[in-house]
C-alpha cells in the first residue's frame, strides 16, 4: 500500500511538472514582447540562483560575489559574439566552462575560510569586478565604460517568432536542461556528499568524503551555472557594461535564494520571480521610495515564510497529507 502511494505521488509530481512546462512554453504567446523579455530575464536568474543554491543551500558556503561570475559569463558571451562572430548558442558552454575554471580556482584558497570570512572574501570579488572590467589594458576587449552592444538573435529556420519569443523559448529549453542536471547531481552521491560536508564536515571526511575536492567543485559548478545565466542575460539585454554588475546584483542573488528557499531546486524559480518582478511592482506603487516598498515586501516574506516559498509549499503539502483520512482495507 505504501509503495503504491509513493508511486502515485511521484506520478502526480511528474504530471504537474509536465503541465507547468507546457504552460511556460505557451506563455510568450499570451503576453507582450516586453513581458516576454522580463520572463526571459527571470529564467536566466533562476539558473543563477540554482547554481548559488548548490553552493550555499546544499554545501553551506556563503557567497556574496556571484555577480562577478555572472559578469564573466555575460562578457564571455558578448566578446565571443561581437569580436569573433560565434553563434549565440555556442557561447553558453564556453561561458560555463570559463566560469567553472574561475570558480574552481577561487574555491581553492577559499577552503581556508568559513562563514562570514568567506562571505567577505566573495564580497570583495564582487566589489572589484566592475573596476577590473574598466581596466584600460583590457578595454579593447571589454569596451571599457562604454561596454559592448550585441545583436539579439532571430528565430532559426524561418520560424514565425519574434526575437523576444524565440529567445524566451531558447532560454526555457536551456533552463530545463540545467535544472535536470542539477536534480540528477543533487539526488546522487555528489549531493549527499555536499550535504554531509555542510552538516557534519568532520564526520563526512572521516567517512571518506574528500572535503577540499567537493567544496572546490561545488564552487566551480555553482559558477558554471551562474556563467550560463549571465550569458543568457547578456543576450537578452543585448548589452553589457561594468556598471551593470554592481555589488547589489550579488546581494540580489542571495536575497533570491533565501526568499525562494535554501536547499531547494524549485526555490530558484520563486526567488528569480521575486528579484525580477518585485522591484518593478515596488516602483509602480511608489516612484518616490520604491526601495522602501521592496524592503517592506522582503521583511514580510521573511516573517511569513522563514523557510522560503519552497519551504512553505513543502510544509503545506505535508499538512494536507497528514490530515487526509486513510482508507481502511
C-alpha atoms as a PDB file:
ATOM      1  CA  UNK A   1       0.000   0.000   0.000  1.00  0.00           C
ATOM      2  CA  UNK A   2       2.786   2.444   0.915  1.00  0.00           C
ATOM      3  CA  UNK A   3       4.661   1.637  -2.295  1.00  0.00           C
ATOM      4  CA  UNK A   4       1.562   2.335  -4.369  1.00  0.00           C
ATOM      5  CA  UNK A   5       1.034   5.633  -2.547  1.00  0.00           C
ATOM      6  CA  UNK A   6       4.597   6.813  -3.192  1.00  0.00           C
ATOM      7  CA  UNK A   7       4.332   5.763  -6.845  1.00  0.00           C
ATOM      8  CA  UNK A   8       1.088   7.719  -7.217  1.00  0.00           C
ATOM      9  CA  UNK A   9       2.622  10.803  -5.595  1.00  0.00           C
ATOM     10  CA  UNK A  10       5.655  10.543  -7.898  1.00  0.00           C
ATOM     11  CA  UNK A  11       3.444  10.209 -10.972  1.00  0.00           C
ATOM     12  CA  UNK A  12       1.378  13.231  -9.969  1.00  0.00           C
ATOM     13  CA  UNK A  13       4.563  15.227  -9.446  1.00  0.00           C
ATOM     14  CA  UNK A  14       5.857  14.473 -12.939  1.00  0.00           C
ATOM     15  CA  UNK A  15       2.441  15.195 -14.454  1.00  0.00           C
ATOM     16  CA  UNK A  16       2.410  18.540 -12.653  1.00  0.00           C
ATOM     17  CA  UNK A  17       5.908  19.348 -13.937  1.00  0.00           C
ATOM     18  CA  UNK A  18       4.878  18.457 -17.497  1.00  0.00           C
ATOM     19  CA  UNK A  19       1.813  20.708 -17.261  1.00  0.00           C
ATOM     20  CA  UNK A  20       3.971  23.538 -15.894  1.00  0.00           C
ATOM     21  CA  UNK A  21       6.487  23.189 -18.742  1.00  0.00           C
ATOM     22  CA  UNK A  22       3.722  23.281 -21.362  1.00  0.00           C
ATOM     23  CA  UNK A  23       2.194  26.355 -19.696  1.00  0.00           C
ATOM     24  CA  UNK A  24       5.569  28.113 -19.654  1.00  0.00           C
ATOM     25  CA  UNK A  25       6.125  27.263 -23.334  1.00  0.00           C
ATOM     26  CA  UNK A  26       2.753  28.809 -24.234  1.00  0.00           C
ATOM     27  CA  UNK A  27       3.216  31.867 -22.008  1.00  0.00           C
ATOM     28  CA  UNK A  28       5.006  34.162 -24.539  1.00  0.00           C
ATOM     29  CA  UNK A  29       2.091  33.790 -26.981  1.00  0.00           C
ATOM     30  CA  UNK A  30      -0.305  35.261 -24.420  1.00  0.00           C
ATOM     31  CA  UNK A  31       1.733  38.302 -23.334  1.00  0.00           C
ATOM     32  CA  UNK A  32       3.564  41.209 -24.954  1.00  0.00           C
ATOM     33  CA  UNK A  33       7.175  41.094 -26.120  1.00  0.00           C
ATOM     34  CA  UNK A  34       8.232  43.320 -23.219  1.00  0.00           C
ATOM     35  CA  UNK A  35       6.742  40.980 -20.618  1.00  0.00           C
ATOM     36  CA  UNK A  36       8.264  38.063 -22.526  1.00  0.00           C
ATOM     37  CA  UNK A  37      11.656  39.748 -22.150  1.00  0.00           C
ATOM     38  CA  UNK A  38      11.041  40.092 -18.404  1.00  0.00           C
ATOM     39  CA  UNK A  39      10.260  36.401 -18.065  1.00  0.00           C
ATOM     40  CA  UNK A  40      13.373  35.567 -20.098  1.00  0.00           C
ATOM     41  CA  UNK A  41      15.422  37.500 -17.571  1.00  0.00           C
ATOM     42  CA  UNK A  42      13.640  35.703 -14.734  1.00  0.00           C
ATOM     43  CA  UNK A  43      14.538  32.309 -16.239  1.00  0.00           C
ATOM     44  CA  UNK A  44      18.196  33.311 -16.602  1.00  0.00           C
ATOM     45  CA  UNK A  45      18.150  34.433 -12.952  1.00  0.00           C
ATOM     46  CA  UNK A  46      16.624  31.074 -11.980  1.00  0.00           C
ATOM     47  CA  UNK A  47      19.648  29.298 -13.485  1.00  0.00           C
ATOM     48  CA  UNK A  48      21.953  31.590 -11.484  1.00  0.00           C
ATOM     49  CA  UNK A  49      20.034  31.015  -8.249  1.00  0.00           C
ATOM     50  CA  UNK A  50      20.089  27.273  -8.800  1.00  0.00           C
ATOM     51  CA  UNK A  51      23.875  27.417  -9.030  1.00  0.00           C
ATOM     52  CA  UNK A  52      24.142  29.611  -5.937  1.00  0.00           C
ATOM     53  CA  UNK A  53      21.823  27.260  -4.053  1.00  0.00           C
ATOM     54  CA  UNK A  54      24.105  24.320  -4.868  1.00  0.00           C
ATOM     55  CA  UNK A  55      26.927  26.208  -3.174  1.00  0.00           C
ATOM     56  CA  UNK A  56      25.095  27.843  -0.265  1.00  0.00           C
ATOM     57  CA  UNK A  57      21.968  25.786   0.310  1.00  0.00           C
ATOM     58  CA  UNK A  58      23.418  22.321  -0.257  1.00  0.00           C
ATOM     59  CA  UNK A  59      27.078  22.851   0.648  1.00  0.00           C
ATOM     60  CA  UNK A  60      26.826  25.641   3.218  1.00  0.00           C
ATOM     61  CA  UNK A  61      29.381  28.002   1.629  1.00  0.00           C
ATOM     62  CA  UNK A  62      28.115  31.583   1.708  1.00  0.00           C
ATOM     63  CA  UNK A  63      28.875  33.681  -1.368  1.00  0.00           C
ATOM     64  CA  UNK A  64      28.197  37.390  -1.799  1.00  0.00           C
ATOM     65  CA  UNK A  65      30.184  37.565  -5.028  1.00  0.00           C
ATOM     66  CA  UNK A  66      28.218  35.635  -7.623  1.00  0.00           C
ATOM     67  CA  UNK A  67      27.576  38.850  -9.508  1.00  0.00           C
ATOM     68  CA  UNK A  68      31.242  38.579 -10.558  1.00  0.00           C
ATOM     69  CA  UNK A  69      30.707  35.154 -12.143  1.00  0.00           C
ATOM     70  CA  UNK A  70      27.527  36.478 -13.765  1.00  0.00           C
ATOM     71  CA  UNK A  71      29.608  39.301 -15.259  1.00  0.00           C
ATOM     72  CA  UNK A  72      32.279  36.889 -16.512  1.00  0.00           C
ATOM     73  CA  UNK A  73      29.642  34.762 -18.234  1.00  0.00           C
ATOM     74  CA  UNK A  74      27.958  37.800 -19.749  1.00  0.00           C
ATOM     75  CA  UNK A  75      31.219  39.301 -21.033  1.00  0.00           C
ATOM     76  CA  UNK A  76      32.393  35.946 -22.388  1.00  0.00           C
ATOM     77  CA  UNK A  77      29.242  35.637 -24.492  1.00  0.00           C
ATOM     78  CA  UNK A  78      29.368  39.286 -25.582  1.00  0.00           C
ATOM     79  CA  UNK A  79      33.044  39.180 -26.610  1.00  0.00           C
ATOM     80  CA  UNK A  80      32.639  35.913 -28.495  1.00  0.00           C
ATOM     81  CA  UNK A  81      29.605  37.230 -30.388  1.00  0.00           C
ATOM     82  CA  UNK A  82      30.949  40.734 -31.035  1.00  0.00           C
ATOM     83  CA  UNK A  83      34.636  40.059 -31.741  1.00  0.00           C
ATOM     84  CA  UNK A  84      34.630  36.554 -33.188  1.00  0.00           C
ATOM     85  CA  UNK A  85      31.139  36.106 -34.606  1.00  0.00           C
ATOM     86  CA  UNK A  86      30.446  32.986 -32.554  1.00  0.00           C
ATOM     87  CA  UNK A  87      26.768  31.899 -32.671  1.00  0.00           C
ATOM     88  CA  UNK A  88      24.871  32.843 -29.541  1.00  0.00           C
ATOM     89  CA  UNK A  89      24.058  29.242 -28.622  1.00  0.00           C
ATOM     90  CA  UNK A  90      27.726  28.235 -28.833  1.00  0.00           C
ATOM     91  CA  UNK A  91      28.732  30.903 -26.312  1.00  0.00           C
ATOM     92  CA  UNK A  92      26.823  29.213 -23.479  1.00  0.00           C
ATOM     93  CA  UNK A  93      29.064  26.161 -22.919  1.00  0.00           C
ATOM     94  CA  UNK A  94      32.173  28.325 -23.334  1.00  0.00           C
ATOM     95  CA  UNK A  95      30.890  30.846 -20.779  1.00  0.00           C
ATOM     96  CA  UNK A  96      30.040  27.983 -18.432  1.00  0.00           C
ATOM     97  CA  UNK A  97      33.490  26.404 -18.738  1.00  0.00           C
ATOM     98  CA  UNK A  98      35.285  29.732 -18.266  1.00  0.00           C
ATOM     99  CA  UNK A  99      33.274  30.436 -15.121  1.00  0.00           C
ATOM    100  CA  UNK A 100      33.813  26.881 -13.878  1.00  0.00           C
ATOM    101  CA  UNK A 101      37.565  27.485 -14.115  1.00  0.00           C
ATOM    102  CA  UNK A 102      37.323  30.809 -12.280  1.00  0.00           C
ATOM    103  CA  UNK A 103      35.036  29.344  -9.629  1.00  0.00           C
ATOM    104  CA  UNK A 104      37.168  26.267  -9.030  1.00  0.00           C
ATOM    105  CA  UNK A 105      40.354  28.320  -8.747  1.00  0.00           C
ATOM    106  CA  UNK A 106      38.674  30.803  -6.406  1.00  0.00           C
ATOM    107  CA  UNK A 107      37.333  27.921  -4.337  1.00  0.00           C
ATOM    108  CA  UNK A 108      40.810  26.536  -3.641  1.00  0.00           C
ATOM    109  CA  UNK A 109      42.081  29.421  -1.459  1.00  0.00           C
ATOM    110  CA  UNK A 110      38.552  29.875  -0.105  1.00  0.00           C
ATOM    111  CA  UNK A 111      38.866  26.435   1.541  1.00  0.00           C
ATOM    112  CA  UNK A 112      40.673  28.155   4.391  1.00  0.00           C
ATOM    113  CA  UNK A 113      37.700  30.438   5.012  1.00  0.00           C
ATOM    114  CA  UNK A 114      34.289  29.709   6.507  1.00  0.00           C
ATOM    115  CA  UNK A 115      31.137  31.569   7.416  1.00  0.00           C
ATOM    116  CA  UNK A 116      31.295  35.344   7.359  1.00  0.00           C
ATOM    117  CA  UNK A 117      35.008  35.307   6.433  1.00  0.00           C
ATOM    118  CA  UNK A 118      34.173  33.502   3.189  1.00  0.00           C
ATOM    119  CA  UNK A 119      31.245  35.867   2.629  1.00  0.00           C
ATOM    120  CA  UNK A 120      33.554  38.876   2.931  1.00  0.00           C
ATOM    121  CA  UNK A 121      36.112  37.340   0.560  1.00  0.00           C
ATOM    122  CA  UNK A 122      33.457  36.754  -2.106  1.00  0.00           C
ATOM    123  CA  UNK A 123      32.020  40.218  -1.472  1.00  0.00           C
ATOM    124  CA  UNK A 124      35.467  41.656  -2.227  1.00  0.00           C
ATOM    125  CA  UNK A 125      35.355  39.819  -5.552  1.00  0.00           C
ATOM    126  CA  UNK A 126      32.016  41.436  -6.361  1.00  0.00           C
ATOM    127  CA  UNK A 127      33.351  44.888  -5.442  1.00  0.00           C
ATOM    128  CA  UNK A 128      36.493  44.511  -7.565  1.00  0.00           C
ATOM    129  CA  UNK A 129      34.902  43.093 -10.723  1.00  0.00           C
ATOM    130  CA  UNK A 130      33.335  46.301 -12.155  1.00  0.00           C
ATOM    131  CA  UNK A 131      36.622  48.144 -11.702  1.00  0.00           C
ATOM    132  CA  UNK A 132      38.594  45.346 -13.345  1.00  0.00           C
ATOM    133  CA  UNK A 133      36.271  45.436 -16.337  1.00  0.00           C
ATOM    134  CA  UNK A 134      37.132  49.136 -16.765  1.00  0.00           C
ATOM    135  CA  UNK A 135      40.888  48.472 -16.708  1.00  0.00           C
ATOM    136  CA  UNK A 136      42.428  50.280 -19.669  1.00  0.00           C
ATOM    137  CA  UNK A 137      44.692  47.446 -20.784  1.00  0.00           C
ATOM    138  CA  UNK A 138      41.712  45.169 -21.426  1.00  0.00           C
ATOM    139  CA  UNK A 139      39.143  47.729 -22.527  1.00  0.00           C
ATOM    140  CA  UNK A 140      39.874  46.749 -26.143  1.00  0.00           C
ATOM    141  CA  UNK A 141      38.094  43.508 -25.272  1.00  0.00           C
ATOM    142  CA  UNK A 142      35.568  44.684 -22.701  1.00  0.00           C
ATOM    143  CA  UNK A 143      34.705  48.057 -24.246  1.00  0.00           C
ATOM    144  CA  UNK A 144      35.635  49.859 -21.032  1.00  0.00           C
ATOM    145  CA  UNK A 145      32.942  52.032 -19.518  1.00  0.00           C
ATOM    146  CA  UNK A 146      31.050  52.006 -22.835  1.00  0.00           C
ATOM    147  CA  UNK A 147      30.506  48.257 -22.705  1.00  0.00           C
ATOM    148  CA  UNK A 148      29.577  46.032 -25.659  1.00  0.00           C
ATOM    149  CA  UNK A 149      26.398  46.049 -27.709  1.00  0.00           C
ATOM    150  CA  UNK A 150      25.346  42.718 -29.205  1.00  0.00           C
ATOM    151  CA  UNK A 151      22.567  41.736 -31.596  1.00  0.00           C
ATOM    152  CA  UNK A 152      19.585  39.752 -30.374  1.00  0.00           C
ATOM    153  CA  UNK A 153      19.262  36.526 -32.433  1.00  0.00           C
ATOM    154  CA  UNK A 154      16.427  35.834 -34.850  1.00  0.00           C
ATOM    155  CA  UNK A 155      14.405  32.638 -34.772  1.00  0.00           C
ATOM    156  CA  UNK A 156      16.075  29.875 -36.844  1.00  0.00           C
ATOM    157  CA  UNK A 157      14.655  28.015 -39.844  1.00  0.00           C
ATOM    158  CA  UNK A 158      12.343  30.909 -40.689  1.00  0.00           C
ATOM    159  CA  UNK A 159      10.071  30.251 -37.703  1.00  0.00           C
ATOM    160  CA  UNK A 160       7.371  32.935 -37.381  1.00  0.00           C
ATOM    161  CA  UNK A 161       8.542  34.076 -33.960  1.00  0.00           C
ATOM    162  CA  UNK A 162       9.689  37.464 -32.753  1.00  0.00           C
ATOM    163  CA  UNK A 163      13.197  37.760 -31.342  1.00  0.00           C
ATOM    164  CA  UNK A 164      11.914  38.017 -27.773  1.00  0.00           C
ATOM    165  CA  UNK A 165       9.647  34.990 -28.070  1.00  0.00           C
ATOM    166  CA  UNK A 166      12.337  32.845 -29.657  1.00  0.00           C
ATOM    167  CA  UNK A 167      14.911  33.846 -27.042  1.00  0.00           C
ATOM    168  CA  UNK A 168      12.406  33.059 -24.290  1.00  0.00           C
ATOM    169  CA  UNK A 169      11.810  29.555 -25.654  1.00  0.00           C
ATOM    170  CA  UNK A 170      15.546  29.023 -26.138  1.00  0.00           C
ATOM    171  CA  UNK A 171      16.269  30.185 -22.571  1.00  0.00           C
ATOM    172  CA  UNK A 172      13.491  27.965 -21.240  1.00  0.00           C
ATOM    173  CA  UNK A 173      14.975  24.936 -23.028  1.00  0.00           C
ATOM    174  CA  UNK A 174      18.428  25.661 -21.601  1.00  0.00           C
ATOM    175  CA  UNK A 175      16.935  26.093 -18.122  1.00  0.00           C
ATOM    176  CA  UNK A 176      15.157  22.731 -18.339  1.00  0.00           C
ATOM    177  CA  UNK A 177      18.451  21.024 -19.178  1.00  0.00           C
ATOM    178  CA  UNK A 178      20.275  22.817 -16.345  1.00  0.00           C
ATOM    179  CA  UNK A 179      17.566  22.004 -13.800  1.00  0.00           C
ATOM    180  CA  UNK A 180      17.509  18.348 -14.857  1.00  0.00           C
ATOM    181  CA  UNK A 181      21.290  18.138 -14.494  1.00  0.00           C
ATOM    182  CA  UNK A 182      21.139  19.742 -11.050  1.00  0.00           C
ATOM    183  CA  UNK A 183      18.377  17.356  -9.969  1.00  0.00           C
ATOM    184  CA  UNK A 184      20.468  14.353 -11.019  1.00  0.00           C
ATOM    185  CA  UNK A 185      23.593  15.712  -9.329  1.00  0.00           C
ATOM    186  CA  UNK A 186      21.933  16.597  -6.039  1.00  0.00           C
ATOM    187  CA  UNK A 187      19.931  13.384  -5.624  1.00  0.00           C
ATOM    188  CA  UNK A 188      23.025  11.204  -6.127  1.00  0.00           C
ATOM    189  CA  UNK A 189      26.350  10.587  -4.415  1.00  0.00           C
ATOM    190  CA  UNK A 190      27.638  14.118  -5.035  1.00  0.00           C
ATOM    191  CA  UNK A 191      24.560  15.708  -3.500  1.00  0.00           C
ATOM    192  CA  UNK A 192      24.802  13.505  -0.406  1.00  0.00           C
ATOM    193  CA  UNK A 193      28.478  14.396  -0.051  1.00  0.00           C
ATOM    194  CA  UNK A 194      27.753  18.128  -0.271  1.00  0.00           C
ATOM    195  CA  UNK A 195      25.017  17.908   2.356  1.00  0.00           C
ATOM    196  CA  UNK A 196      27.219  15.799   4.631  1.00  0.00           C
ATOM    197  CA  UNK A 197      30.011  18.366   4.406  1.00  0.00           C
ATOM    198  CA  UNK A 198      27.508  21.113   5.185  1.00  0.00           C
ATOM    199  CA  UNK A 199      26.007  19.421   8.247  1.00  0.00           C
ATOM    200  CA  UNK A 200      28.856  17.319   9.685  1.00  0.00           C
ATOM    201  CA  UNK A 201      32.155  18.114   7.933  1.00  0.00           C
ATOM    202  CA  UNK A 202      34.392  16.188  10.364  1.00  0.00           C
ATOM    203  CA  UNK A 203      32.236  13.064  10.249  1.00  0.00           C
ATOM    204  CA  UNK A 204      31.937  13.293   6.462  1.00  0.00           C
ATOM    205  CA  UNK A 205      35.697  13.444   5.967  1.00  0.00           C
ATOM    206  CA  UNK A 206      36.136  10.591   8.444  1.00  0.00           C
ATOM    207  CA  UNK A 207      33.805   8.530   6.246  1.00  0.00           C
ATOM    208  CA  UNK A 208      35.995   9.170   3.206  1.00  0.00           C
ATOM    209  CA  UNK A 209      34.435  12.290   1.670  1.00  0.00           C
ATOM    210  CA  UNK A 210      37.189  14.449   0.142  1.00  0.00           C
ATOM    211  CA  UNK A 211      36.173  17.805   1.582  1.00  0.00           C
ATOM    212  CA  UNK A 212      38.575  20.016  -0.379  1.00  0.00           C
ATOM    213  CA  UNK A 213      37.670  18.449  -3.706  1.00  0.00           C
ATOM    214  CA  UNK A 214      33.919  18.593  -3.216  1.00  0.00           C
ATOM    215  CA  UNK A 215      33.941  22.141  -1.859  1.00  0.00           C
ATOM    216  CA  UNK A 216      36.073  23.439  -4.734  1.00  0.00           C
ATOM    217  CA  UNK A 217      33.969  21.531  -7.252  1.00  0.00           C
ATOM    218  CA  UNK A 218      30.802  22.962  -5.712  1.00  0.00           C
ATOM    219  CA  UNK A 219      32.253  26.448  -6.229  1.00  0.00           C
ATOM    220  CA  UNK A 220      33.098  25.575  -9.834  1.00  0.00           C
ATOM    221  CA  UNK A 221      29.705  24.065 -10.660  1.00  0.00           C
ATOM    222  CA  UNK A 222      27.936  26.982  -8.977  1.00  0.00           C
ATOM    223  CA  UNK A 223      29.994  29.434 -11.054  1.00  0.00           C
ATOM    224  CA  UNK A 224      29.268  27.396 -14.202  1.00  0.00           C
ATOM    225  CA  UNK A 225      25.516  27.770 -13.674  1.00  0.00           C
ATOM    226  CA  UNK A 226      25.955  31.461 -12.938  1.00  0.00           C
ATOM    227  CA  UNK A 227      28.046  31.943 -16.090  1.00  0.00           C
ATOM    228  CA  UNK A 228      25.405  30.298 -18.280  1.00  0.00           C
ATOM    229  CA  UNK A 229      22.747  32.503 -16.686  1.00  0.00           C
ATOM    230  CA  UNK A 230      24.922  35.561 -17.256  1.00  0.00           C
ATOM    231  CA  UNK A 231      25.432  34.678 -20.923  1.00  0.00           C
ATOM    232  CA  UNK A 232      21.687  34.263 -21.431  1.00  0.00           C
ATOM    233  CA  UNK A 233      21.023  37.539 -19.623  1.00  0.00           C
ATOM    234  CA  UNK A 234      23.532  39.396 -21.805  1.00  0.00           C
ATOM    235  CA  UNK A 235      21.989  38.012 -24.997  1.00  0.00           C
ATOM    236  CA  UNK A 236      18.516  39.034 -23.811  1.00  0.00           C
ATOM    237  CA  UNK A 237      19.544  42.566 -22.781  1.00  0.00           C
ATOM    238  CA  UNK A 238      21.817  42.987 -25.861  1.00  0.00           C
ATOM    239  CA  UNK A 239      24.299  44.991 -23.822  1.00  0.00           C
ATOM    240  CA  UNK A 240      26.977  44.536 -21.169  1.00  0.00           C
ATOM    241  CA  UNK A 241      28.782  47.261 -19.204  1.00  0.00           C
ATOM    242  CA  UNK A 242      30.743  47.244 -15.930  1.00  0.00           C
ATOM    243  CA  UNK A 243      28.130  49.276 -14.065  1.00  0.00           C
ATOM    244  CA  UNK A 244      25.520  46.587 -14.797  1.00  0.00           C
ATOM    245  CA  UNK A 245      27.290  44.214 -12.410  1.00  0.00           C
ATOM    246  CA  UNK A 246      27.437  46.094  -9.131  1.00  0.00           C
ATOM    247  CA  UNK A 247      27.527  44.540  -5.675  1.00  0.00           C
ATOM    248  CA  UNK A 248      23.753  44.971  -5.473  1.00  0.00           C
ATOM    249  CA  UNK A 249      23.403  42.263  -8.119  1.00  0.00           C
ATOM    250  CA  UNK A 250      25.292  39.791  -5.919  1.00  0.00           C
ATOM    251  CA  UNK A 251      23.180  40.731  -2.913  1.00  0.00           C
ATOM    252  CA  UNK A 252      20.015  40.298  -5.001  1.00  0.00           C
ATOM    253  CA  UNK A 253      21.065  36.737  -5.817  1.00  0.00           C
ATOM    254  CA  UNK A 254      21.433  35.958  -2.105  1.00  0.00           C
ATOM    255  CA  UNK A 255      18.021  37.508  -1.461  1.00  0.00           C
ATOM    256  CA  UNK A 256      16.611  35.306  -4.219  1.00  0.00           C
ATOM    257  CA  UNK A 257      17.781  32.003  -2.742  1.00  0.00           C
ATOM    258  CA  UNK A 258      16.628  32.991   0.755  1.00  0.00           C
ATOM    259  CA  UNK A 259      13.165  34.072  -0.416  1.00  0.00           C
ATOM    260  CA  UNK A 260      12.832  31.080  -2.741  1.00  0.00           C
ATOM    261  CA  UNK A 261      14.102  28.580  -0.188  1.00  0.00           C
ATOM    262  CA  UNK A 262      17.564  27.270   0.641  1.00  0.00           C
ATOM    263  CA  UNK A 263      18.459  23.698  -0.380  1.00  0.00           C
ATOM    264  CA  UNK A 264      15.521  23.590  -2.784  1.00  0.00           C
ATOM    265  CA  UNK A 265      15.645  23.243  -6.553  1.00  0.00           C
ATOM    266  CA  UNK A 266      12.207  24.802  -7.042  1.00  0.00           C
ATOM    267  CA  UNK A 267      13.209  27.663  -4.752  1.00  0.00           C
ATOM    268  CA  UNK A 268      15.399  29.042  -7.546  1.00  0.00           C
ATOM    269  CA  UNK A 269      12.276  29.683  -9.629  1.00  0.00           C
ATOM    270  CA  UNK A 270      10.416  31.529  -6.873  1.00  0.00           C
ATOM    271  CA  UNK A 271      13.483  33.557  -5.960  1.00  0.00           C
ATOM    272  CA  UNK A 272      14.049  34.557  -9.593  1.00  0.00           C
ATOM    273  CA  UNK A 273      10.465  35.776  -9.902  1.00  0.00           C
ATOM    274  CA  UNK A 274      10.949  37.812  -6.725  1.00  0.00           C
ATOM    275  CA  UNK A 275      14.137  39.617  -7.762  1.00  0.00           C
ATOM    276  CA  UNK A 276      12.836  40.230 -11.284  1.00  0.00           C
ATOM    277  CA  UNK A 277       9.305  41.474 -10.605  1.00  0.00           C
ATOM    278  CA  UNK A 278       9.099  42.798  -7.034  1.00  0.00           C
ATOM    279  CA  UNK A 279      11.361  45.835  -7.744  1.00  0.00           C
ATOM    280  CA  UNK A 280       9.179  46.686 -10.764  1.00  0.00           C
ATOM    281  CA  UNK A 281       5.999  46.381  -8.721  1.00  0.00           C
ATOM    282  CA  UNK A 282       7.535  48.498  -5.939  1.00  0.00           C
ATOM    283  CA  UNK A 283       8.450  51.181  -8.475  1.00  0.00           C
ATOM    284  CA  UNK A 284       4.870  51.236  -9.763  1.00  0.00           C
ATOM    285  CA  UNK A 285       3.492  51.561  -6.234  1.00  0.00           C
ATOM    286  CA  UNK A 286       5.798  54.411  -5.229  1.00  0.00           C
ATOM    287  CA  UNK A 287       8.021  56.370  -7.579  1.00  0.00           C
ATOM    288  CA  UNK A 288       9.448  58.331  -4.631  1.00  0.00           C
ATOM    289  CA  UNK A 289      10.515  55.418  -2.429  1.00  0.00           C
ATOM    290  CA  UNK A 290      10.440  52.143  -4.385  1.00  0.00           C
ATOM    291  CA  UNK A 291      13.172  50.531  -2.303  1.00  0.00           C
ATOM    292  CA  UNK A 292      11.220  51.181   0.878  1.00  0.00           C
ATOM    293  CA  UNK A 293       8.364  49.152  -0.629  1.00  0.00           C
ATOM    294  CA  UNK A 294      10.847  46.485  -1.725  1.00  0.00           C
ATOM    295  CA  UNK A 295      12.285  46.275   1.799  1.00  0.00           C
ATOM    296  CA  UNK A 296       8.809  46.038   3.322  1.00  0.00           C
ATOM    297  CA  UNK A 297       7.869  43.173   0.991  1.00  0.00           C
ATOM    298  CA  UNK A 298      11.152  41.414   1.780  1.00  0.00           C
ATOM    299  CA  UNK A 299      10.561  41.733   5.528  1.00  0.00           C
ATOM    300  CA  UNK A 300       7.019  40.416   5.090  1.00  0.00           C
ATOM    301  CA  UNK A 301       8.347  37.395   3.184  1.00  0.00           C
ATOM    302  CA  UNK A 302      10.945  36.663   5.856  1.00  0.00           C
ATOM    303  CA  UNK A 303       8.420  36.834   8.694  1.00  0.00           C
ATOM    304  CA  UNK A 304       5.684  34.876   6.925  1.00  0.00           C
ATOM    305  CA  UNK A 305       7.957  32.373   5.130  1.00  0.00           C
ATOM    306  CA  UNK A 306      11.168  31.851   7.165  1.00  0.00           C
ATOM    307  CA  UNK A 307      11.988  28.749   5.093  1.00  0.00           C
ATOM    308  CA  UNK A 308      11.234  30.479   1.793  1.00  0.00           C
ATOM    309  CA  UNK A 309       8.419  29.887  -0.655  1.00  0.00           C
ATOM    310  CA  UNK A 310       9.547  26.320  -1.358  1.00  0.00           C
ATOM    311  CA  UNK A 311       9.640  25.562   2.374  1.00  0.00           C
ATOM    312  CA  UNK A 312       6.132  26.954   2.826  1.00  0.00           C
ATOM    313  CA  UNK A 313       4.820  24.821  -0.033  1.00  0.00           C
ATOM    314  CA  UNK A 314       6.512  21.693   1.352  1.00  0.00           C
ATOM    315  CA  UNK A 315       5.044  22.201   4.826  1.00  0.00           C
ATOM    316  CA  UNK A 316       1.596  22.876   3.348  1.00  0.00           C
ATOM    317  CA  UNK A 317       1.662  19.658   1.312  1.00  0.00           C
ATOM    318  CA  UNK A 318       2.891  17.746   4.373  1.00  0.00           C
ATOM    319  CA  UNK A 319      -0.013  19.029   6.474  1.00  0.00           C
ATOM    320  CA  UNK A 320      -2.526  18.112   3.792  1.00  0.00           C
ATOM    321  CA  UNK A 321      -1.156  14.569   3.636  1.00  0.00           C
ATOM    322  CA  UNK A 322      -1.394  14.183   7.417  1.00  0.00           C
ATOM    323  CA  UNK A 323      -4.984  15.434   7.524  1.00  0.00           C
ATOM    324  CA  UNK A 324      -6.088  13.201   4.623  1.00  0.00           C
ATOM    325  CA  UNK A 325      -8.122  10.295   6.055  1.00  0.00           C
ATOM    326  CA  UNK A 326      -6.612   6.898   5.461  1.00  0.00           C
ATOM    327  CA  UNK A 327      -8.681   4.235   3.748  1.00  0.00           C
ATOM    328  CA  UNK A 328      -9.427   1.097   5.756  1.00  0.00           C
ATOM    329  CA  UNK A 329      -8.650  -2.178   3.984  1.00  0.00           C
END
